[in-house]
Amino acid sequence: MNATLSLVLSTAILGGAIAHDASWRAPADAAARVNPLASRVEMAAGGKKVFGQRCSECHGVDARGTDKAPDLTSGEVQAQSDGELFWKISSGNTRRGMPAFSNLPEPQRWQLVMYLRSR
């Protein structure tokens, strides 16, 4: 394989690792879910703690993304409903290297959504 083709393939593979996955969509019922903690703004602090423990290694301490994972402060992410974000946190996307965090208690996953909204 020549150097140019190798560079193009490497760029496509690396870019694909952090690019938006159009097929990764929450089902309508999941997207419609409402955050039960939404009125408790102080709960976002717990989400920040969980983010630091579970998410910052890939998404960066400021949630602005790294070469491993996308920027969670982007307009594309922020435009998603709370239910969509909750579903993505819970389900993961192994094709893109995002683990499922369904093992976290549901309130902690909602706190993560709240923290992302505060970014």
N, C-alpha and C. Protein backbone atom coordinates (compact mmCIF):
# COMPACT_ATOMS: atom_id res chain seq x y z
N MET A 1 0.87 -1.17 0.00
CA MET A 1 0.00 0.00 0.00
C MET A 1 0.91 1.23 0.00
N ASN A 2 0.57 2.21 -0.85
CA ASN A 2 1.42 3.39 -0.91
C ASN A 2 1.15 4.32 0.29
N ALA A 3 2.07 5.23 0.53
CA ALA A 3 2.00 6.11 1.71
C ALA A 3 0.76 6.99 1.70
N THR A 4 0.35 7.48 0.52
CA THR A 4 -0.82 8.35 0.45
C THR A 4 -2.09 7.60 0.83
N LEU A 5 -2.26 6.40 0.28
CA LEU A 5 -3.44 5.60 0.59
C LEU A 5 -3.45 5.23 2.07
N SER A 6 -2.28 4.91 2.60
CA SER A 6 -2.17 4.58 4.02
C SER A 6 -2.59 5.76 4.89
N LEU A 7 -2.15 6.96 4.54
CA LEU A 7 -2.51 8.16 5.29
C LEU A 7 -4.01 8.42 5.22
N VAL A 8 -4.59 8.26 4.03
CA VAL A 8 -6.03 8.47 3.87
C VAL A 8 -6.82 7.47 4.72
N LEU A 9 -6.43 6.21 4.67
CA LEU A 9 -7.12 5.19 5.47
C LEU A 9 -6.96 5.45 6.96
N SER A 10 -5.77 5.82 7.39
CA SER A 10 -5.54 6.12 8.81
C SER A 10 -6.40 7.28 9.26
N THR A 11 -6.48 8.32 8.44
CA THR A 11 -7.30 9.48 8.77
C THR A 11 -8.77 9.10 8.84
N ALA A 12 -9.22 8.29 7.91
CA ALA A 12 -10.63 7.86 7.91
C ALA A 12 -10.93 7.03 9.15
N ILE A 13 -10.03 6.14 9.50
CA ILE A 13 -10.26 5.29 10.67
C ILE A 13 -10.25 6.13 11.94
N LEU A 14 -9.26 6.98 12.11
CA LEU A 14 -9.20 7.82 13.31
C LEU A 14 -10.36 8.80 13.34
N GLY A 15 -10.68 9.40 12.22
CA GLY A 15 -11.81 10.32 12.17
C GLY A 15 -13.11 9.61 12.48
N GLY A 16 -13.24 8.38 12.00
CA GLY A 16 -14.44 7.60 12.26
C GLY A 16 -14.59 7.26 13.73
N ALA A 17 -13.48 7.19 14.45
CA ALA A 17 -13.53 6.84 15.87
C ALA A 17 -14.22 7.92 16.68
N ILE A 18 -14.16 9.15 16.20
CA ILE A 18 -14.78 10.22 16.97
C ILE A 18 -15.92 10.90 16.22
N ALA A 19 -16.15 10.45 14.99
CA ALA A 19 -17.20 11.08 14.20
C ALA A 19 -18.58 10.67 14.69
N HIS A 20 -19.55 11.46 14.32
CA HIS A 20 -20.94 11.18 14.64
C HIS A 20 -21.36 9.88 13.96
N ASP A 21 -22.03 9.03 14.68
CA ASP A 21 -22.53 7.77 14.14
C ASP A 21 -24.03 7.94 13.92
N ALA A 22 -24.41 8.19 12.68
CA ALA A 22 -25.82 8.46 12.35
C ALA A 22 -26.74 7.29 12.69
N SER A 23 -26.19 6.09 12.76
CA SER A 23 -27.03 4.94 13.07
C SER A 23 -27.25 4.76 14.57
N TRP A 24 -26.55 5.53 15.38
CA TRP A 24 -26.66 5.41 16.83
C TRP A 24 -27.73 6.38 17.32
N ARG A 25 -28.96 5.95 17.21
CA ARG A 25 -30.11 6.77 17.57
C ARG A 25 -30.93 6.08 18.64
N ALA A 26 -31.36 6.86 19.57
CA ALA A 26 -32.21 6.32 20.64
C ALA A 26 -33.59 6.01 20.07
N PRO A 27 -34.19 4.92 20.51
CA PRO A 27 -35.58 4.66 20.11
C PRO A 27 -36.47 5.81 20.58
N ALA A 28 -37.56 6.04 19.90
CA ALA A 28 -38.44 7.18 20.20
C ALA A 28 -38.89 7.20 21.66
N ASP A 29 -39.23 6.05 22.21
CA ASP A 29 -39.69 6.03 23.60
C ASP A 29 -38.56 6.42 24.56
N ALA A 30 -37.33 6.03 24.26
CA ALA A 30 -36.19 6.40 25.11
C ALA A 30 -35.89 7.89 24.96
N ALA A 31 -35.94 8.39 23.74
CA ALA A 31 -35.66 9.81 23.48
C ALA A 31 -36.68 10.71 24.17
N ALA A 32 -37.89 10.23 24.34
CA ALA A 32 -38.96 11.02 24.95
C ALA A 32 -38.90 11.05 26.48
N ARG A 33 -38.03 10.24 27.07
CA ARG A 33 -37.96 10.21 28.53
C ARG A 33 -37.53 11.57 29.08
N VAL A 34 -38.09 11.92 30.21
CA VAL A 34 -37.79 13.19 30.87
C VAL A 34 -36.92 12.90 32.08
N ASN A 35 -35.94 13.75 32.29
CA ASN A 35 -35.04 13.57 33.43
C ASN A 35 -35.82 13.83 34.72
N PRO A 36 -35.96 12.82 35.58
CA PRO A 36 -36.73 13.00 36.81
C PRO A 36 -36.02 13.91 37.82
N LEU A 37 -34.74 14.21 37.57
CA LEU A 37 -33.99 15.08 38.48
C LEU A 37 -33.88 16.51 37.96
N ALA A 38 -34.51 16.80 36.84
CA ALA A 38 -34.34 18.09 36.17
C ALA A 38 -34.60 19.29 37.06
N SER A 39 -35.51 19.18 37.99
CA SER A 39 -35.82 20.33 38.85
C SER A 39 -34.83 20.46 40.01
N ARG A 40 -33.94 19.51 40.15
CA ARG A 40 -32.97 19.52 41.25
C ARG A 40 -31.58 19.86 40.72
N VAL A 41 -31.39 21.12 40.37
CA VAL A 41 -30.18 21.59 39.72
C VAL A 41 -28.91 21.21 40.47
N GLU A 42 -28.99 21.15 41.78
CA GLU A 42 -27.81 20.81 42.59
C GLU A 42 -27.29 19.40 42.31
N MET A 43 -28.10 18.56 41.70
CA MET A 43 -27.72 17.18 41.41
C MET A 43 -26.64 17.09 40.32
N ALA A 44 -26.45 18.15 39.56
CA ALA A 44 -25.41 18.16 38.52
C ALA A 44 -24.02 17.98 39.12
N ALA A 45 -23.83 18.40 40.36
CA ALA A 45 -22.53 18.24 41.02
C ALA A 45 -22.15 16.77 41.12
N GLY A 46 -23.13 15.92 41.40
CA GLY A 46 -22.87 14.49 41.43
C GLY A 46 -22.50 13.96 40.06
N GLY A 47 -23.12 14.52 39.03
CA GLY A 47 -22.80 14.14 37.66
C GLY A 47 -21.38 14.51 37.30
N LYS A 48 -20.92 15.65 37.80
CA LYS A 48 -19.55 16.08 37.55
C LYS A 48 -18.58 15.08 38.16
N LYS A 49 -18.89 14.61 39.36
CA LYS A 49 -18.03 13.64 40.03
C LYS A 49 -17.98 12.32 39.25
N VAL A 50 -19.15 11.84 38.84
CA VAL A 50 -19.21 10.59 38.07
C VAL A 50 -18.48 10.78 36.74
N PHE A 51 -18.67 11.92 36.09
CA PHE A 51 -17.99 12.20 34.83
C PHE A 51 -16.47 12.11 35.02
N GLY A 52 -15.98 12.71 36.08
CA GLY A 52 -14.54 12.66 36.35
C GLY A 52 -14.03 11.24 36.55
N GLN A 53 -14.84 10.41 37.17
CA GLN A 53 -14.45 9.03 37.44
C GLN A 53 -14.60 8.11 36.23
N ARG A 54 -15.64 8.33 35.43
CA ARG A 54 -15.99 7.36 34.38
C ARG A 54 -15.81 7.84 32.95
N CYS A 55 -15.83 9.14 32.72
CA CYS A 55 -15.93 9.64 31.34
C CYS A 55 -14.74 10.49 30.90
N SER A 56 -14.09 11.15 31.84
CA SER A 56 -13.07 12.14 31.48
C SER A 56 -11.85 11.53 30.81
N GLU A 57 -11.57 10.26 31.07
CA GLU A 57 -10.41 9.64 30.44
C GLU A 57 -10.52 9.68 28.92
N CYS A 58 -11.72 9.50 28.41
CA CYS A 58 -11.92 9.52 26.95
C CYS A 58 -12.40 10.88 26.45
N HIS A 59 -13.33 11.52 27.17
CA HIS A 59 -13.94 12.76 26.69
C HIS A 59 -13.20 14.01 27.17
N GLY A 60 -12.17 13.85 28.02
CA GLY A 60 -11.43 14.98 28.54
C GLY A 60 -12.06 15.53 29.80
N VAL A 61 -11.25 16.13 30.66
CA VAL A 61 -11.75 16.64 31.93
C VAL A 61 -12.78 17.74 31.75
N ASP A 62 -12.73 18.43 30.62
CA ASP A 62 -13.67 19.52 30.36
C ASP A 62 -14.81 19.08 29.43
N ALA A 63 -14.86 17.80 29.09
CA ALA A 63 -15.89 17.21 28.21
C ALA A 63 -15.79 17.70 26.77
N ARG A 64 -14.68 18.33 26.41
CA ARG A 64 -14.53 18.89 25.07
C ARG A 64 -13.91 17.91 24.07
N GLY A 65 -13.79 16.65 24.47
CA GLY A 65 -13.33 15.62 23.56
C GLY A 65 -11.82 15.47 23.53
N THR A 66 -11.41 14.32 23.02
CA THR A 66 -10.00 13.98 22.86
C THR A 66 -9.90 13.20 21.55
N ASP A 67 -8.72 12.65 21.30
CA ASP A 67 -8.58 11.80 20.11
C ASP A 67 -9.30 10.47 20.30
N LYS A 68 -9.79 10.19 21.51
CA LYS A 68 -10.51 8.95 21.78
C LYS A 68 -12.03 9.10 21.67
N ALA A 69 -12.55 10.28 21.95
CA ALA A 69 -14.01 10.45 22.04
C ALA A 69 -14.41 11.89 21.73
N PRO A 70 -15.65 12.08 21.30
CA PRO A 70 -16.09 13.41 20.84
C PRO A 70 -16.33 14.43 21.95
N ASP A 71 -16.45 15.65 21.50
CA ASP A 71 -16.75 16.81 22.33
C ASP A 71 -18.22 16.75 22.74
N LEU A 72 -18.45 16.62 24.03
CA LEU A 72 -19.82 16.53 24.54
C LEU A 72 -20.46 17.90 24.76
N THR A 73 -19.68 18.96 24.53
CA THR A 73 -20.22 20.31 24.63
C THR A 73 -20.68 20.84 23.27
N SER A 74 -20.49 20.04 22.23
CA SER A 74 -20.83 20.48 20.87
C SER A 74 -22.33 20.68 20.73
N GLY A 75 -22.70 21.50 19.79
CA GLY A 75 -24.11 21.75 19.51
C GLY A 75 -24.86 20.48 19.14
N GLU A 76 -24.18 19.59 18.42
CA GLU A 76 -24.80 18.34 18.00
C GLU A 76 -25.20 17.48 19.21
N VAL A 77 -24.35 17.43 20.21
CA VAL A 77 -24.66 16.65 21.41
C VAL A 77 -25.69 17.39 22.25
N GLN A 78 -25.50 18.67 22.44
CA GLN A 78 -26.40 19.45 23.29
C GLN A 78 -27.81 19.55 22.72
N ALA A 79 -27.97 19.36 21.41
CA ALA A 79 -29.30 19.43 20.79
C ALA A 79 -30.12 18.16 21.05
N GLN A 80 -29.47 17.11 21.55
CA GLN A 80 -30.20 15.87 21.82
C GLN A 80 -31.02 16.02 23.09
N SER A 81 -32.10 15.28 23.15
CA SER A 81 -32.95 15.33 24.34
C SER A 81 -32.25 14.65 25.52
N ASP A 82 -32.72 14.97 26.72
CA ASP A 82 -32.18 14.30 27.91
C ASP A 82 -32.33 12.79 27.79
N GLY A 83 -33.47 12.36 27.27
CA GLY A 83 -33.71 10.93 27.10
C GLY A 83 -32.72 10.28 26.14
N GLU A 84 -32.38 10.99 25.06
CA GLU A 84 -31.40 10.46 24.12
C GLU A 84 -30.03 10.30 24.78
N LEU A 85 -29.61 11.33 25.50
CA LEU A 85 -28.32 11.26 26.18
C LEU A 85 -28.30 10.14 27.22
N PHE A 86 -29.39 10.03 27.98
CA PHE A 86 -29.50 8.97 28.98
C PHE A 86 -29.38 7.60 28.32
N TRP A 87 -30.07 7.42 27.21
CA TRP A 87 -30.04 6.16 26.49
C TRP A 87 -28.64 5.85 25.99
N LYS A 88 -27.96 6.85 25.45
CA LYS A 88 -26.60 6.64 24.93
C LYS A 88 -25.62 6.31 26.05
N ILE A 89 -25.75 6.98 27.18
CA ILE A 89 -24.91 6.67 28.34
C ILE A 89 -25.19 5.24 28.80
N SER A 90 -26.43 4.88 28.84
CA SER A 90 -26.83 3.55 29.32
C SER A 90 -26.46 2.44 28.36
N SER A 91 -26.65 2.66 27.07
CA SER A 91 -26.47 1.61 26.05
C SER A 91 -25.07 1.50 25.50
N GLY A 92 -24.36 2.63 25.45
CA GLY A 92 -23.05 2.62 24.85
C GLY A 92 -23.12 2.42 23.34
N ASN A 93 -21.96 2.39 22.72
CA ASN A 93 -21.84 2.17 21.28
C ASN A 93 -20.50 1.48 21.05
N THR A 94 -20.51 0.18 21.13
CA THR A 94 -19.25 -0.57 21.04
C THR A 94 -18.57 -0.40 19.68
N ARG A 95 -19.33 -0.10 18.63
CA ARG A 95 -18.70 0.13 17.32
C ARG A 95 -17.78 1.34 17.36
N ARG A 96 -18.06 2.26 18.26
CA ARG A 96 -17.26 3.49 18.37
C ARG A 96 -16.44 3.54 19.65
N GLY A 97 -16.45 2.46 20.42
CA GLY A 97 -15.62 2.40 21.62
C GLY A 97 -16.26 2.97 22.87
N MET A 98 -17.54 3.28 22.80
CA MET A 98 -18.25 3.84 23.96
C MET A 98 -18.85 2.69 24.76
N PRO A 99 -18.36 2.49 25.99
CA PRO A 99 -18.93 1.41 26.81
C PRO A 99 -20.33 1.78 27.30
N ALA A 100 -21.10 0.76 27.60
CA ALA A 100 -22.41 0.97 28.21
C ALA A 100 -22.20 1.21 29.71
N PHE A 101 -22.94 2.15 30.27
CA PHE A 101 -22.85 2.43 31.70
C PHE A 101 -24.16 2.08 32.40
N SER A 102 -24.83 1.05 31.88
CA SER A 102 -26.08 0.60 32.49
C SER A 102 -25.86 0.03 33.89
N ASN A 103 -24.61 -0.25 34.23
CA ASN A 103 -24.30 -0.74 35.58
C ASN A 103 -24.35 0.38 36.62
N LEU A 104 -24.30 1.63 36.18
CA LEU A 104 -24.43 2.74 37.12
C LEU A 104 -25.90 2.85 37.53
N PRO A 105 -26.15 3.21 38.77
CA PRO A 105 -27.56 3.42 39.16
C PRO A 105 -28.20 4.49 38.27
N GLU A 106 -29.47 4.31 37.99
CA GLU A 106 -30.18 5.22 37.10
C GLU A 106 -30.05 6.68 37.52
N PRO A 107 -30.15 7.02 38.82
CA PRO A 107 -29.99 8.43 39.20
C PRO A 107 -28.62 9.00 38.81
N GLN A 108 -27.57 8.19 38.88
CA GLN A 108 -26.25 8.69 38.49
C GLN A 108 -26.19 8.97 37.00
N ARG A 109 -26.86 8.14 36.20
CA ARG A 109 -26.87 8.39 34.75
C ARG A 109 -27.63 9.67 34.43
N TRP A 110 -28.73 9.93 35.16
CA TRP A 110 -29.45 11.19 34.96
C TRP A 110 -28.59 12.36 35.44
N GLN A 111 -27.82 12.18 36.49
CA GLN A 111 -26.91 13.24 36.94
C GLN A 111 -25.86 13.53 35.88
N LEU A 112 -25.38 12.50 35.20
CA LEU A 112 -24.44 12.73 34.10
C LEU A 112 -25.07 13.60 33.03
N VAL A 113 -26.31 13.33 32.69
CA VAL A 113 -27.02 14.15 31.70
C VAL A 113 -27.08 15.59 32.19
N MET A 114 -27.40 15.78 33.45
CA MET A 114 -27.47 17.14 34.02
C MET A 114 -26.12 17.84 33.93
N TYR A 115 -25.05 17.10 34.24
CA TYR A 115 -23.72 17.68 34.16
C TYR A 115 -23.41 18.09 32.71
N LEU A 116 -23.73 17.23 31.77
CA LEU A 116 -23.48 17.57 30.36
C LEU A 116 -24.24 18.83 29.96
N ARG A 117 -25.42 19.00 30.48
CA ARG A 117 -26.21 20.20 30.18
C ARG A 117 -25.56 21.46 30.77
N SER A 118 -24.80 21.29 31.82
CA SER A 118 -24.17 22.46 32.47
C SER A 118 -22.87 22.87 31.76
N ARG A 119 -22.44 22.10 30.80
CA ARG A 119 -21.18 22.38 30.12
C ARG A 119 -21.34 23.46 29.10
